[in-house]
């Protein structure tokens, strides 16, 4: 068995005296593990840092085997990330989220969202909204995508300011007014309304509160897990300088 694909490094763990088991999120083969022989060498360690984009060739005698990776670095980001706490917390959080996906299941749309996020993870203006998009994509791939296109009660596409915690659908201001204490807030930038390209800190927090509710309900709690502590730190940094 053999394939070649590009992927983003999620992590490594030691294996034996000189090798590592590498975890990638690949474009066409999903989250995939494999052995990198000599992966702890001085020349290979810089390539195997989390967040790096690599070209991977995987070989194994049988498909169910761990297999061996041959890795070539395409975009090395370690130096850039290590200088950015925002990027480091974001990288730890997205890796934690991706590890909830089954191994070797392809997620091409999610992968594209991921690569855009990782490319901009040090950008304090872009990273928060891109991370929200990534979490929405994670939910969609788990089968719990939110429908923010029209009001669940009336069908209107105007004045959408709430989300139903039961259905995950948007709700307009008028339809949601009697139940507003039981609804989740829908920030304007998620539905292309005002300030879509320049959301305020409270809108970013509302967006993460929205994704957090559904991640807890459909991803973490069924597995007896909780959101990683790094996620709260990422959100705090992401909203620190916004007004």
Protein backbone atom coordinates (compact mmCIF):
# COMPACT_ATOMS: atom_id res chain seq x y z
CA UNK A 1 0.00 0.00 0.00
CA UNK A 2 1.27 3.48 -0.86
CA UNK A 3 -0.04 7.01 -1.28
CA UNK A 4 1.29 10.57 -1.38
CA UNK A 5 -0.52 13.59 0.00
CA UNK A 6 0.08 16.95 1.60
CA UNK A 7 -0.71 17.45 5.26
CA UNK A 8 -0.36 19.64 8.33
CA UNK A 9 1.63 18.31 11.26
CA UNK A 10 -0.52 17.93 14.39
CA UNK A 11 2.04 16.29 16.64
CA UNK A 12 4.70 13.65 17.18
CA UNK A 13 5.54 11.20 19.93
CA UNK A 14 8.75 9.31 20.56
CA UNK A 15 9.08 5.76 19.32
CA UNK A 16 12.18 3.81 20.19
CA UNK A 17 15.57 5.49 20.36
CA UNK A 18 15.50 7.60 17.21
CA UNK A 19 12.09 7.41 15.53
CA UNK A 20 8.75 9.16 16.07
CA UNK A 21 5.11 8.47 15.31
CA UNK A 22 3.89 11.40 13.28
CA UNK A 23 0.28 12.62 13.25
CA UNK A 24 -0.87 14.51 10.17
CA UNK A 25 -4.12 16.01 8.97
CA UNK A 26 -3.95 15.30 5.25
CA UNK A 27 -5.96 16.63 2.33
CA UNK A 28 -7.27 13.32 0.97
CA UNK A 29 -6.56 10.75 3.70
CA UNK A 30 -7.81 12.52 6.81
CA UNK A 31 -6.05 12.35 10.15
CA UNK A 32 -3.32 9.79 9.69
CA UNK A 33 -0.49 8.35 11.78
CA UNK A 34 2.75 6.83 10.59
CA UNK A 35 6.28 6.05 11.69
CA UNK A 36 9.12 8.38 10.71
CA UNK A 37 12.40 6.56 11.03
CA UNK A 38 15.12 8.81 12.40
CA UNK A 39 12.52 11.45 13.13
CA UNK A 40 14.40 12.69 16.20
CA UNK A 41 17.48 13.65 14.20
CA UNK A 42 18.62 17.28 13.99
CA UNK A 43 17.72 17.47 10.33
CA UNK A 44 14.24 15.98 10.64
CA UNK A 45 13.01 17.56 13.88
CA UNK A 46 12.53 21.05 12.38
CA UNK A 47 10.34 19.60 9.61
CA UNK A 48 8.14 17.64 12.02
CA UNK A 49 7.05 20.61 14.16
CA UNK A 50 3.27 21.13 14.67
CA UNK A 51 1.72 23.49 12.15
CA UNK A 52 4.20 22.76 9.37
CA UNK A 53 2.88 21.90 5.92
CA UNK A 54 4.57 18.79 4.53
CA UNK A 55 4.45 16.42 1.59
CA UNK A 56 4.02 12.88 2.88
CA UNK A 57 4.43 9.49 1.26
CA UNK A 58 2.98 6.63 3.31
CA UNK A 59 3.85 2.97 2.77
CA UNK A 60 2.64 -0.18 4.49
CA UNK A 61 2.28 -3.83 3.61
CA UNK A 62 -1.41 -3.80 4.60
CA UNK A 63 -3.81 -0.88 4.84
CA UNK A 64 -4.51 -1.48 8.54
CA UNK A 65 -0.82 -1.27 9.48
CA UNK A 66 0.72 1.83 11.07
CA UNK A 67 2.99 2.27 8.06
CA UNK A 68 6.02 4.44 7.45
CA UNK A 69 6.10 8.08 6.36
CA UNK A 70 8.65 9.76 4.13
CA UNK A 71 8.34 13.50 4.75
CA UNK A 72 9.39 16.59 2.84
CA UNK A 73 8.84 20.06 4.28
CA UNK A 74 6.76 22.45 2.18
CA UNK A 75 6.10 25.34 4.56
CA UNK A 76 7.91 25.50 7.91
CA UNK A 77 6.17 27.74 10.42
CA UNK A 78 7.79 26.83 13.77
CA UNK A 79 9.85 30.03 14.10
CA UNK A 80 6.82 32.17 13.25
CA UNK A 81 4.51 30.32 15.64
CA UNK A 82 6.87 30.17 18.60
CA UNK A 83 6.90 33.97 18.69
CA UNK A 84 3.08 34.14 18.80
CA UNK A 85 1.16 32.94 21.89
CA UNK A 86 -2.05 33.38 19.87
CA UNK A 87 -0.79 30.93 17.26
CA UNK A 88 0.49 28.43 19.84
CA UNK A 89 -2.80 28.33 21.74
CA UNK A 90 -4.72 28.17 18.47
CA UNK A 91 -2.58 25.32 17.18
CA UNK A 92 -3.03 23.33 20.40
CA UNK A 93 -6.79 23.87 20.24
CA UNK A 94 -7.27 22.92 16.61
CA UNK A 95 -5.13 19.78 17.09
CA UNK A 96 -7.29 18.78 20.06
CA UNK A 97 -10.45 19.29 18.00
CA UNK A 98 -9.15 17.30 15.03
CA UNK A 99 -8.25 14.36 17.26
CA UNK A 100 -11.96 13.83 17.84
CA UNK A 101 -12.34 12.80 14.19
CA UNK A 102 -11.96 9.14 13.25
CA UNK A 103 -8.57 8.29 11.80
CA UNK A 104 -8.18 7.98 8.03
CA UNK A 105 -11.57 9.51 7.16
CA UNK A 106 -11.12 12.19 4.46
CA UNK A 107 -12.48 15.66 5.22
CA UNK A 108 -11.53 17.76 2.17
CA UNK A 109 -13.68 20.82 2.96
CA UNK A 110 -12.48 20.87 6.56
CA UNK A 111 -8.90 20.54 5.35
CA UNK A 112 -9.24 23.65 3.18
CA UNK A 113 -10.67 25.57 6.13
CA UNK A 114 -7.79 24.31 8.27
CA UNK A 115 -5.08 25.37 5.82
CA UNK A 116 -6.54 28.88 5.55
CA UNK A 117 -6.62 29.12 9.33
CA UNK A 118 -3.06 27.87 9.84
CA UNK A 119 -1.78 30.24 7.14
CA UNK A 120 -3.20 33.16 9.16
CA UNK A 121 -2.88 31.92 12.72
CA UNK A 122 -0.47 34.69 13.75
CA UNK A 123 -2.73 37.43 12.35
CA UNK A 124 -4.74 38.80 15.27
CA UNK A 125 -7.25 40.42 12.89
CA UNK A 126 -7.99 37.31 10.81
CA UNK A 127 -7.35 34.36 13.12
CA UNK A 128 -10.43 34.76 15.40
CA UNK A 129 -13.02 34.71 12.61
CA UNK A 130 -11.16 31.99 10.71
CA UNK A 131 -11.09 29.88 13.87
CA UNK A 132 -14.84 30.24 14.27
CA UNK A 133 -15.24 29.10 10.64
CA UNK A 134 -13.00 26.12 11.42
CA UNK A 135 -15.12 25.13 14.43
CA UNK A 136 -18.30 25.43 12.37
CA UNK A 137 -16.70 23.17 9.77
CA UNK A 138 -15.77 20.64 12.47
CA UNK A 139 -19.40 20.58 13.61
CA UNK A 140 -20.61 20.10 10.04
CA UNK A 141 -18.28 17.13 9.57
CA UNK A 142 -19.63 15.58 12.75
CA UNK A 143 -23.09 15.87 11.24
CA UNK A 144 -24.24 18.82 13.33
CA UNK A 145 -23.83 21.72 10.94
CA UNK A 146 -25.60 24.94 11.90
CA UNK A 147 -28.09 26.51 9.48
CA UNK A 148 -27.61 30.26 9.70
CA UNK A 149 -29.19 31.16 6.35
CA UNK A 150 -32.82 31.81 7.33
CA UNK A 151 -35.14 32.02 10.32
CA UNK A 152 -36.32 28.65 11.62
CA UNK A 153 -39.74 30.10 12.48
CA UNK A 154 -40.54 32.44 9.59
CA UNK A 155 -38.09 31.63 6.80
CA UNK A 156 -36.93 35.24 6.53
CA UNK A 157 -33.27 35.97 5.84
CA UNK A 158 -33.41 39.38 7.50
CA UNK A 159 -32.51 40.48 11.03
CA UNK A 160 -31.11 37.11 12.13
CA UNK A 161 -29.74 37.62 15.63
CA UNK A 162 -30.34 34.33 17.49
CA UNK A 163 -29.68 30.62 17.12
CA UNK A 164 -31.93 27.92 18.52
CA UNK A 165 -29.99 25.63 20.89
CA UNK A 166 -32.30 22.76 19.94
CA UNK A 167 -32.20 22.91 16.15
CA UNK A 168 -29.01 24.86 15.47
CA UNK A 169 -30.97 27.14 13.13
CA UNK A 170 -31.00 30.92 12.99
CA UNK A 171 -33.92 32.87 14.46
CA UNK A 172 -34.94 36.42 13.57
CA UNK A 173 -35.26 39.20 16.12
CA UNK A 174 -39.06 39.33 15.98
CA UNK A 175 -39.58 35.57 16.12
CA UNK A 176 -37.08 35.12 18.90
CA UNK A 177 -38.09 38.03 21.11
CA UNK A 178 -40.45 36.00 23.37
CA UNK A 179 -37.75 33.33 23.87
CA UNK A 180 -34.59 35.43 23.77
CA UNK A 181 -33.40 34.29 27.21
CA UNK A 182 -33.30 30.70 25.92
CA UNK A 183 -31.62 31.43 22.59
CA UNK A 184 -27.97 31.80 21.66
CA UNK A 185 -26.72 35.09 20.21
CA UNK A 186 -25.79 35.10 16.53
CA UNK A 187 -23.05 37.66 15.75
CA UNK A 188 -23.57 39.71 12.58
CA UNK A 189 -20.30 38.65 10.92
CA UNK A 190 -21.51 35.04 10.66
CA UNK A 191 -24.44 36.07 8.47
CA UNK A 192 -22.77 38.78 6.39
CA UNK A 193 -24.38 41.68 8.22
CA UNK A 194 -22.75 44.90 9.45
CA UNK A 195 -19.12 44.88 10.59
CA UNK A 196 -18.67 41.54 8.83
CA UNK A 197 -15.00 42.33 8.19
CA UNK A 198 -14.33 44.02 11.51
CA UNK A 199 -16.22 42.28 14.32
CA UNK A 200 -16.10 43.64 17.85
CA UNK A 201 -14.73 41.71 20.81
CA UNK A 202 -18.22 40.89 22.08
CA UNK A 203 -19.19 39.52 18.65
CA UNK A 204 -16.14 37.28 18.60
CA UNK A 205 -16.99 36.03 22.11
CA UNK A 206 -20.60 35.39 21.06
CA UNK A 207 -19.37 33.38 18.06
CA UNK A 208 -17.12 31.21 20.24
CA UNK A 209 -19.92 30.80 22.80
CA UNK A 210 -22.13 29.59 19.96
CA UNK A 211 -19.67 26.99 18.67
CA UNK A 212 -18.75 26.02 22.23
CA UNK A 213 -22.36 25.14 23.04
CA UNK A 214 -22.67 22.72 20.13
CA UNK A 215 -19.14 21.34 20.48
CA UNK A 216 -19.85 20.51 24.11
CA UNK A 217 -23.21 18.93 23.28
CA UNK A 218 -22.26 16.92 20.21
CA UNK A 219 -18.49 16.37 20.37
CA UNK A 220 -17.06 16.58 23.88
CA UNK A 221 -19.80 15.41 26.25
CA UNK A 222 -20.68 12.20 24.33
CA UNK A 223 -17.02 11.20 24.71
CA UNK A 224 -16.72 12.31 28.32
CA UNK A 225 -14.37 15.13 27.33
CA UNK A 226 -14.20 18.90 27.76
CA UNK A 227 -12.80 21.69 25.64
CA UNK A 228 -9.05 22.17 26.04
CA UNK A 229 -7.86 24.94 28.35
CA UNK A 230 -5.90 26.41 25.42
CA UNK A 231 -9.17 27.31 23.70
CA UNK A 232 -10.14 29.77 26.46
CA UNK A 233 -6.64 31.28 26.33
CA UNK A 234 -6.86 31.64 22.55
CA UNK A 235 -10.23 33.42 22.84
CA UNK A 236 -8.88 35.75 25.56
CA UNK A 237 -5.92 36.72 23.38
CA UNK A 238 -8.07 36.97 20.26
CA UNK A 239 -10.36 39.56 21.88
CA UNK A 240 -7.78 41.40 23.95
CA UNK A 241 -7.14 44.28 21.57
CA UNK A 242 -10.59 44.52 19.98
CA UNK A 243 -13.03 47.28 20.88
